[in-house]
Amino acid sequence: MKIKLTSVYVDDQEKALRFYTEVLGFVKKTDFSQGPYRWLTVASPEDSDGTELQLALNNNPAARAYQQALFQQSQPAAMFFTNDVQADYERMKTRGAEFTMPPKDVTASKIAMLNDTCGNLIQVTQLMSW
């Protein structure tokens, strides 16, 4: 068994697509609509056939409440891993990313937190070797 897809709720799919591709650097994987429903996913350019992230519209009241509660509690909606948090922090900052926490050393890792502009906090993590 393996994870092929996970979702993050967003309040605007077009804005989310711009953020996740232009700022974070992911690539658009799937984008199709049927009536008012839009299936939109992005993937890592390092593994474009790997796990996809669905940018799901939060038009369901339960989804919206969940998303807002996580944000209000400063909890990340998703965590992405990198080999160099500092370099990615600098790269994303020049592309307009709003960080709520710059890179910080924590137990066995270095993390940074940013606002995806679509209702979520995203954690970027670099695992440190012992």
N, C-alpha and C. Protein backbone atom coordinates (compact mmCIF):
# COMPACT_ATOMS: atom_id res chain seq x y z
N MET A 1 0.84 -1.16 0.00
CA MET A 1 0.00 0.00 0.00
C MET A 1 0.89 1.23 0.00
N LYS A 2 0.45 2.30 -0.70
CA LYS A 2 1.20 3.54 -0.69
C LYS A 2 0.24 4.73 -0.78
N ILE A 3 0.71 5.88 -0.37
CA ILE A 3 -0.10 7.09 -0.45
C ILE A 3 0.11 7.70 -1.82
N LYS A 4 -0.96 7.91 -2.56
CA LYS A 4 -0.90 8.48 -3.90
C LYS A 4 -1.47 9.89 -3.94
N LEU A 5 -2.39 10.20 -3.00
CA LEU A 5 -3.07 11.49 -3.03
C LEU A 5 -3.41 11.92 -1.62
N THR A 6 -3.22 13.18 -1.36
CA THR A 6 -3.69 13.79 -0.12
C THR A 6 -4.28 15.14 -0.50
N SER A 7 -5.06 15.72 0.38
CA SER A 7 -5.77 16.96 0.04
C SER A 7 -5.49 18.05 1.04
N VAL A 8 -5.58 19.27 0.57
CA VAL A 8 -5.58 20.44 1.42
C VAL A 8 -6.74 21.30 0.93
N TYR A 9 -7.53 21.82 1.87
CA TYR A 9 -8.66 22.67 1.51
C TYR A 9 -8.17 24.08 1.25
N VAL A 10 -8.70 24.71 0.21
CA VAL A 10 -8.33 26.07 -0.14
C VAL A 10 -9.60 26.88 -0.39
N ASP A 11 -9.51 28.19 -0.16
CA ASP A 11 -10.69 29.02 -0.37
C ASP A 11 -10.81 29.55 -1.80
N ASP A 12 -9.78 29.35 -2.62
CA ASP A 12 -9.78 29.82 -4.01
C ASP A 12 -8.80 28.93 -4.78
N GLN A 13 -9.32 28.08 -5.66
CA GLN A 13 -8.46 27.12 -6.34
C GLN A 13 -7.49 27.78 -7.32
N GLU A 14 -7.91 28.82 -8.00
CA GLU A 14 -7.02 29.49 -8.95
C GLU A 14 -5.86 30.17 -8.23
N LYS A 15 -6.18 30.85 -7.14
CA LYS A 15 -5.15 31.49 -6.33
C LYS A 15 -4.22 30.43 -5.73
N ALA A 16 -4.78 29.32 -5.29
CA ALA A 16 -3.97 28.24 -4.73
C ALA A 16 -3.04 27.66 -5.79
N LEU A 17 -3.53 27.47 -7.00
CA LEU A 17 -2.70 26.93 -8.07
C LEU A 17 -1.51 27.85 -8.33
N ARG A 18 -1.74 29.15 -8.38
CA ARG A 18 -0.64 30.10 -8.58
C ARG A 18 0.37 30.00 -7.43
N PHE A 19 -0.13 29.96 -6.19
CA PHE A 19 0.77 29.90 -5.04
C PHE A 19 1.59 28.61 -5.02
N TYR A 20 0.91 27.48 -5.18
CA TYR A 20 1.60 26.19 -5.05
C TYR A 20 2.57 25.93 -6.22
N THR A 21 2.33 26.55 -7.38
CA THR A 21 3.26 26.38 -8.50
C THR A 21 4.29 27.50 -8.55
N GLU A 22 3.87 28.74 -8.51
CA GLU A 22 4.80 29.86 -8.69
C GLU A 22 5.64 30.17 -7.45
N VAL A 23 5.08 29.99 -6.27
CA VAL A 23 5.82 30.31 -5.04
C VAL A 23 6.51 29.07 -4.48
N LEU A 24 5.75 27.99 -4.29
CA LEU A 24 6.35 26.77 -3.72
C LEU A 24 7.17 25.98 -4.74
N GLY A 25 6.78 26.05 -6.01
CA GLY A 25 7.53 25.36 -7.05
C GLY A 25 7.01 24.01 -7.47
N PHE A 26 5.79 23.65 -7.05
CA PHE A 26 5.20 22.40 -7.50
C PHE A 26 4.75 22.55 -8.96
N VAL A 27 4.39 21.44 -9.59
CA VAL A 27 3.89 21.47 -10.96
C VAL A 27 2.44 21.01 -10.97
N LYS A 28 1.66 21.61 -11.87
CA LYS A 28 0.26 21.19 -12.01
C LYS A 28 0.24 19.79 -12.60
N LYS A 29 -0.52 18.91 -11.98
CA LYS A 29 -0.60 17.52 -12.41
C LYS A 29 -1.92 17.24 -13.12
N THR A 30 -3.03 17.55 -12.45
CA THR A 30 -4.35 17.27 -13.00
C THR A 30 -5.24 18.49 -12.82
N ASP A 31 -6.01 18.81 -13.83
CA ASP A 31 -6.93 19.95 -13.75
C ASP A 31 -8.08 19.71 -14.72
N PHE A 32 -9.22 19.30 -14.18
CA PHE A 32 -10.40 19.18 -15.03
C PHE A 32 -11.64 19.52 -14.22
N SER A 33 -12.66 19.94 -14.95
CA SER A 33 -13.91 20.36 -14.31
C SER A 33 -15.07 19.57 -14.86
N GLN A 34 -16.08 19.44 -14.01
CA GLN A 34 -17.34 18.86 -14.43
C GLN A 34 -18.41 19.67 -13.71
N GLY A 35 -19.08 20.52 -14.46
CA GLY A 35 -20.04 21.43 -13.85
C GLY A 35 -19.28 22.36 -12.90
N PRO A 36 -19.80 22.54 -11.69
CA PRO A 36 -19.12 23.44 -10.75
C PRO A 36 -17.94 22.78 -10.02
N TYR A 37 -17.72 21.49 -10.25
CA TYR A 37 -16.67 20.76 -9.54
C TYR A 37 -15.36 20.81 -10.32
N ARG A 38 -14.27 21.12 -9.65
CA ARG A 38 -12.94 21.16 -10.28
C ARG A 38 -11.99 20.24 -9.51
N TRP A 39 -11.39 19.30 -10.21
CA TRP A 39 -10.39 18.41 -9.64
C TRP A 39 -9.03 18.97 -10.03
N LEU A 40 -8.27 19.43 -9.02
CA LEU A 40 -7.02 20.13 -9.27
C LEU A 40 -5.94 19.55 -8.36
N THR A 41 -4.86 19.06 -8.95
CA THR A 41 -3.76 18.52 -8.14
C THR A 41 -2.42 19.09 -8.62
N VAL A 42 -1.48 19.11 -7.69
CA VAL A 42 -0.10 19.48 -7.98
C VAL A 42 0.80 18.35 -7.47
N ALA A 43 2.04 18.35 -7.95
CA ALA A 43 3.01 17.34 -7.52
C ALA A 43 4.39 17.98 -7.45
N SER A 44 5.29 17.30 -6.81
CA SER A 44 6.67 17.75 -6.73
C SER A 44 7.34 17.59 -8.09
N PRO A 45 8.09 18.60 -8.56
CA PRO A 45 8.82 18.43 -9.81
C PRO A 45 9.92 17.37 -9.69
N GLU A 46 10.31 17.05 -8.46
CA GLU A 46 11.32 16.03 -8.21
C GLU A 46 10.76 14.63 -8.37
N ASP A 47 9.42 14.50 -8.32
CA ASP A 47 8.76 13.19 -8.44
C ASP A 47 7.35 13.42 -8.98
N SER A 48 7.26 13.86 -10.22
CA SER A 48 5.96 14.25 -10.78
C SER A 48 4.97 13.09 -10.88
N ASP A 49 5.45 11.86 -10.82
CA ASP A 49 4.55 10.70 -10.83
C ASP A 49 4.31 10.17 -9.42
N GLY A 50 4.80 10.90 -8.41
CA GLY A 50 4.64 10.49 -7.02
C GLY A 50 3.34 11.00 -6.43
N THR A 51 3.34 11.23 -5.16
CA THR A 51 2.15 11.68 -4.43
C THR A 51 1.66 13.02 -4.96
N GLU A 52 0.34 13.11 -5.14
CA GLU A 52 -0.28 14.34 -5.60
C GLU A 52 -0.97 15.03 -4.43
N LEU A 53 -1.00 16.35 -4.48
CA LEU A 53 -1.71 17.15 -3.50
C LEU A 53 -2.92 17.77 -4.18
N GLN A 54 -4.11 17.38 -3.73
CA GLN A 54 -5.34 17.95 -4.26
C GLN A 54 -5.59 19.30 -3.61
N LEU A 55 -5.82 20.32 -4.41
CA LEU A 55 -6.20 21.64 -3.91
C LEU A 55 -7.72 21.68 -3.96
N ALA A 56 -8.34 21.22 -2.88
CA ALA A 56 -9.79 21.01 -2.81
C ALA A 56 -10.49 22.27 -2.32
N LEU A 57 -11.51 22.69 -3.01
CA LEU A 57 -12.27 23.86 -2.61
C LEU A 57 -12.99 23.59 -1.30
N ASN A 58 -12.91 24.54 -0.38
CA ASN A 58 -13.52 24.36 0.95
C ASN A 58 -14.99 24.78 0.98
N ASN A 59 -15.73 24.44 -0.05
CA ASN A 59 -17.14 24.84 -0.11
C ASN A 59 -18.07 23.97 0.73
N ASN A 60 -17.53 23.02 1.44
CA ASN A 60 -18.30 22.20 2.37
C ASN A 60 -18.13 22.84 3.76
N PRO A 61 -19.22 23.11 4.50
CA PRO A 61 -19.09 23.76 5.80
C PRO A 61 -18.16 23.03 6.77
N ALA A 62 -18.15 21.71 6.75
CA ALA A 62 -17.26 20.95 7.64
C ALA A 62 -15.80 21.17 7.24
N ALA A 63 -15.53 21.19 5.94
CA ALA A 63 -14.17 21.42 5.45
C ALA A 63 -13.71 22.82 5.83
N ARG A 64 -14.57 23.80 5.66
CA ARG A 64 -14.22 25.18 5.98
C ARG A 64 -13.95 25.33 7.48
N ALA A 65 -14.78 24.72 8.32
CA ALA A 65 -14.59 24.80 9.78
C ALA A 65 -13.28 24.14 10.18
N TYR A 66 -12.97 23.00 9.59
CA TYR A 66 -11.72 22.29 9.88
C TYR A 66 -10.52 23.15 9.48
N GLN A 67 -10.57 23.69 8.28
CA GLN A 67 -9.48 24.53 7.79
C GLN A 67 -9.27 25.74 8.69
N GLN A 68 -10.34 26.41 9.04
CA GLN A 68 -10.25 27.61 9.88
C GLN A 68 -9.74 27.28 11.28
N ALA A 69 -10.17 26.16 11.83
CA ALA A 69 -9.72 25.76 13.17
C ALA A 69 -8.21 25.48 13.19
N LEU A 70 -7.72 24.77 12.18
CA LEU A 70 -6.28 24.52 12.10
C LEU A 70 -5.50 25.83 12.02
N PHE A 71 -5.96 26.73 11.17
CA PHE A 71 -5.27 28.01 11.00
C PHE A 71 -5.26 28.81 12.29
N GLN A 72 -6.41 28.87 12.96
CA GLN A 72 -6.51 29.64 14.21
C GLN A 72 -5.62 29.07 15.31
N GLN A 73 -5.38 27.76 15.27
CA GLN A 73 -4.52 27.12 16.27
C GLN A 73 -3.05 27.07 15.82
N SER A 74 -2.74 27.74 14.72
CA SER A 74 -1.38 27.76 14.16
C SER A 74 -0.86 26.37 13.83
N GLN A 75 -1.76 25.50 13.38
CA GLN A 75 -1.39 24.14 13.00
C GLN A 75 -1.26 24.06 11.48
N PRO A 76 -0.20 23.43 10.98
CA PRO A 76 -0.05 23.31 9.53
C PRO A 76 -1.08 22.37 8.92
N ALA A 77 -1.58 22.75 7.75
CA ALA A 77 -2.49 21.88 7.01
C ALA A 77 -1.71 20.82 6.24
N ALA A 78 -0.44 21.12 5.96
CA ALA A 78 0.43 20.18 5.25
C ALA A 78 1.87 20.45 5.64
N MET A 79 2.69 19.41 5.51
CA MET A 79 4.13 19.53 5.76
C MET A 79 4.86 19.01 4.53
N PHE A 80 5.80 19.81 4.07
CA PHE A 80 6.62 19.43 2.93
C PHE A 80 8.07 19.33 3.39
N PHE A 81 8.78 18.38 2.83
CA PHE A 81 10.15 18.13 3.25
C PHE A 81 11.14 18.60 2.20
N THR A 82 12.28 19.09 2.66
CA THR A 82 13.32 19.62 1.80
C THR A 82 14.68 19.24 2.35
N ASN A 83 15.68 19.33 1.51
CA ASN A 83 17.05 19.08 1.95
C ASN A 83 17.71 20.34 2.49
N ASP A 84 17.10 21.52 2.24
CA ASP A 84 17.70 22.78 2.66
C ASP A 84 16.61 23.82 2.93
N VAL A 85 16.14 23.87 4.17
CA VAL A 85 15.08 24.81 4.54
C VAL A 85 15.51 26.26 4.27
N GLN A 86 16.73 26.59 4.63
CA GLN A 86 17.19 27.98 4.48
C GLN A 86 17.16 28.42 3.01
N ALA A 87 17.64 27.59 2.12
CA ALA A 87 17.64 27.92 0.69
C ALA A 87 16.21 28.05 0.16
N ASP A 88 15.32 27.12 0.56
CA ASP A 88 13.94 27.20 0.11
C ASP A 88 13.24 28.41 0.71
N TYR A 89 13.55 28.74 1.94
CA TYR A 89 13.00 29.94 2.59
C TYR A 89 13.38 31.18 1.77
N GLU A 90 14.65 31.30 1.42
CA GLU A 90 15.11 32.46 0.65
C GLU A 90 14.44 32.50 -0.73
N ARG A 91 14.37 31.36 -1.40
CA ARG A 91 13.75 31.28 -2.73
C ARG A 91 12.28 31.66 -2.67
N MET A 92 11.54 31.10 -1.72
CA MET A 92 10.10 31.39 -1.63
C MET A 92 9.85 32.82 -1.18
N LYS A 93 10.69 33.34 -0.32
CA LYS A 93 10.53 34.72 0.14
C LYS A 93 10.66 35.70 -1.02
N THR A 94 11.60 35.45 -1.93
CA THR A 94 11.74 36.33 -3.09
C THR A 94 10.55 36.22 -4.04
N ARG A 95 9.79 35.13 -3.93
CA ARG A 95 8.60 34.94 -4.77
C ARG A 95 7.33 35.43 -4.07
N GLY A 96 7.49 36.07 -2.90
CA GLY A 96 6.35 36.68 -2.22
C GLY A 96 5.74 35.89 -1.09
N ALA A 97 6.36 34.79 -0.68
CA ALA A 97 5.81 33.99 0.42
C ALA A 97 5.83 34.78 1.73
N GLU A 98 4.75 34.65 2.49
CA GLU A 98 4.63 35.29 3.80
C GLU A 98 4.89 34.22 4.87
N PHE A 99 6.04 34.30 5.50
CA PHE A 99 6.40 33.33 6.53
C PHE A 99 5.90 33.80 7.89
N THR A 100 5.25 32.90 8.60
CA THR A 100 4.82 33.20 9.97
C THR A 100 5.89 32.77 10.97
N MET A 101 6.85 31.94 10.48
CA MET A 101 7.99 31.53 11.30
C MET A 101 9.16 31.29 10.36
N PRO A 102 10.26 32.05 10.51
CA PRO A 102 11.43 31.78 9.68
C PRO A 102 12.07 30.46 10.11
N PRO A 103 13.05 29.97 9.35
CA PRO A 103 13.69 28.71 9.72
C PRO A 103 14.15 28.71 11.17
N LYS A 104 13.84 27.61 11.84
CA LYS A 104 14.13 27.48 13.27
C LYS A 104 14.56 26.04 13.54
N ASP A 105 15.61 25.89 14.34
CA ASP A 105 16.05 24.56 14.76
C ASP A 105 15.13 24.04 15.85
N VAL A 106 14.63 22.84 15.66
CA VAL A 106 13.83 22.14 16.66
C VAL A 106 14.41 20.73 16.78
N THR A 107 13.88 19.93 17.64
CA THR A 107 14.41 18.59 17.85
C THR A 107 14.52 17.81 16.54
N ALA A 108 15.74 17.48 16.17
CA ALA A 108 16.06 16.64 15.01
C ALA A 108 15.65 17.21 13.66
N SER A 109 15.27 18.49 13.60
CA SER A 109 14.91 19.08 12.32
C SER A 109 15.00 20.60 12.37
N LYS A 110 14.88 21.18 11.20
CA LYS A 110 14.78 22.63 11.06
C LYS A 110 13.47 22.87 10.32
N ILE A 111 12.64 23.78 10.82
CA ILE A 111 11.33 24.01 10.22
C ILE A 111 11.10 25.50 9.96
N ALA A 112 10.21 25.77 9.03
CA ALA A 112 9.72 27.12 8.77
C ALA A 112 8.22 26.98 8.50
N MET A 113 7.48 28.06 8.73
CA MET A 113 6.03 28.02 8.52
C MET A 113 5.63 29.22 7.67
N LEU A 114 4.75 28.97 6.70
CA LEU A 114 4.28 30.05 5.85
C LEU A 114 2.79 29.96 5.60
N ASN A 115 2.22 31.10 5.23
CA ASN A 115 0.79 31.22 4.93
C ASN A 115 0.62 31.00 3.43
N ASP A 116 -0.25 30.07 3.04
CA ASP A 116 -0.42 29.79 1.61
C ASP A 116 -1.37 30.77 0.91
N THR A 117 -1.86 31.76 1.62
CA THR A 117 -2.78 32.79 1.12
C THR A 117 -4.17 32.25 0.78
N CYS A 118 -4.41 30.98 1.03
CA CYS A 118 -5.69 30.34 0.70
C CYS A 118 -6.33 29.71 1.92
N GLY A 119 -5.89 30.17 3.12
CA GLY A 119 -6.51 29.69 4.36
C GLY A 119 -5.71 28.68 5.15
N ASN A 120 -4.45 28.43 4.76
CA ASN A 120 -3.67 27.38 5.41
C ASN A 120 -2.28 27.85 5.81
N LEU A 121 -1.77 27.20 6.85
CA LEU A 121 -0.37 27.32 7.19
C LEU A 121 0.32 26.07 6.66
N ILE A 122 1.50 26.24 6.11
CA ILE A 122 2.28 25.15 5.54
C ILE A 122 3.62 25.10 6.25
N GLN A 123 4.02 23.92 6.69
CA GLN A 123 5.32 23.74 7.34
C GLN A 123 6.29 23.13 6.35
N VAL A 124 7.49 23.72 6.29
CA VAL A 124 8.57 23.19 5.47
C VAL A 124 9.61 22.64 6.45
N THR A 125 10.01 21.39 6.26
CA THR A 125 10.85 20.69 7.22
C THR A 125 12.10 20.12 6.59
N GLN A 126 13.20 20.28 7.28
CA GLN A 126 14.45 19.63 6.90
C GLN A 126 14.86 18.73 8.06
N LEU A 127 14.93 17.44 7.80
CA LEU A 127 15.36 16.51 8.83
C LEU A 127 16.86 16.61 8.98
N MET A 128 17.32 16.66 10.23
CA MET A 128 18.75 16.77 10.51
C MET A 128 19.29 15.39 10.84
N SER A 129 20.45 15.09 10.34
CA SER A 129 21.06 13.80 10.66
C SER A 129 21.79 13.92 11.98
N TRP A 130 21.87 12.83 12.66
CA TRP A 130 22.53 12.82 13.98
C TRP A 130 23.97 12.65 13.82
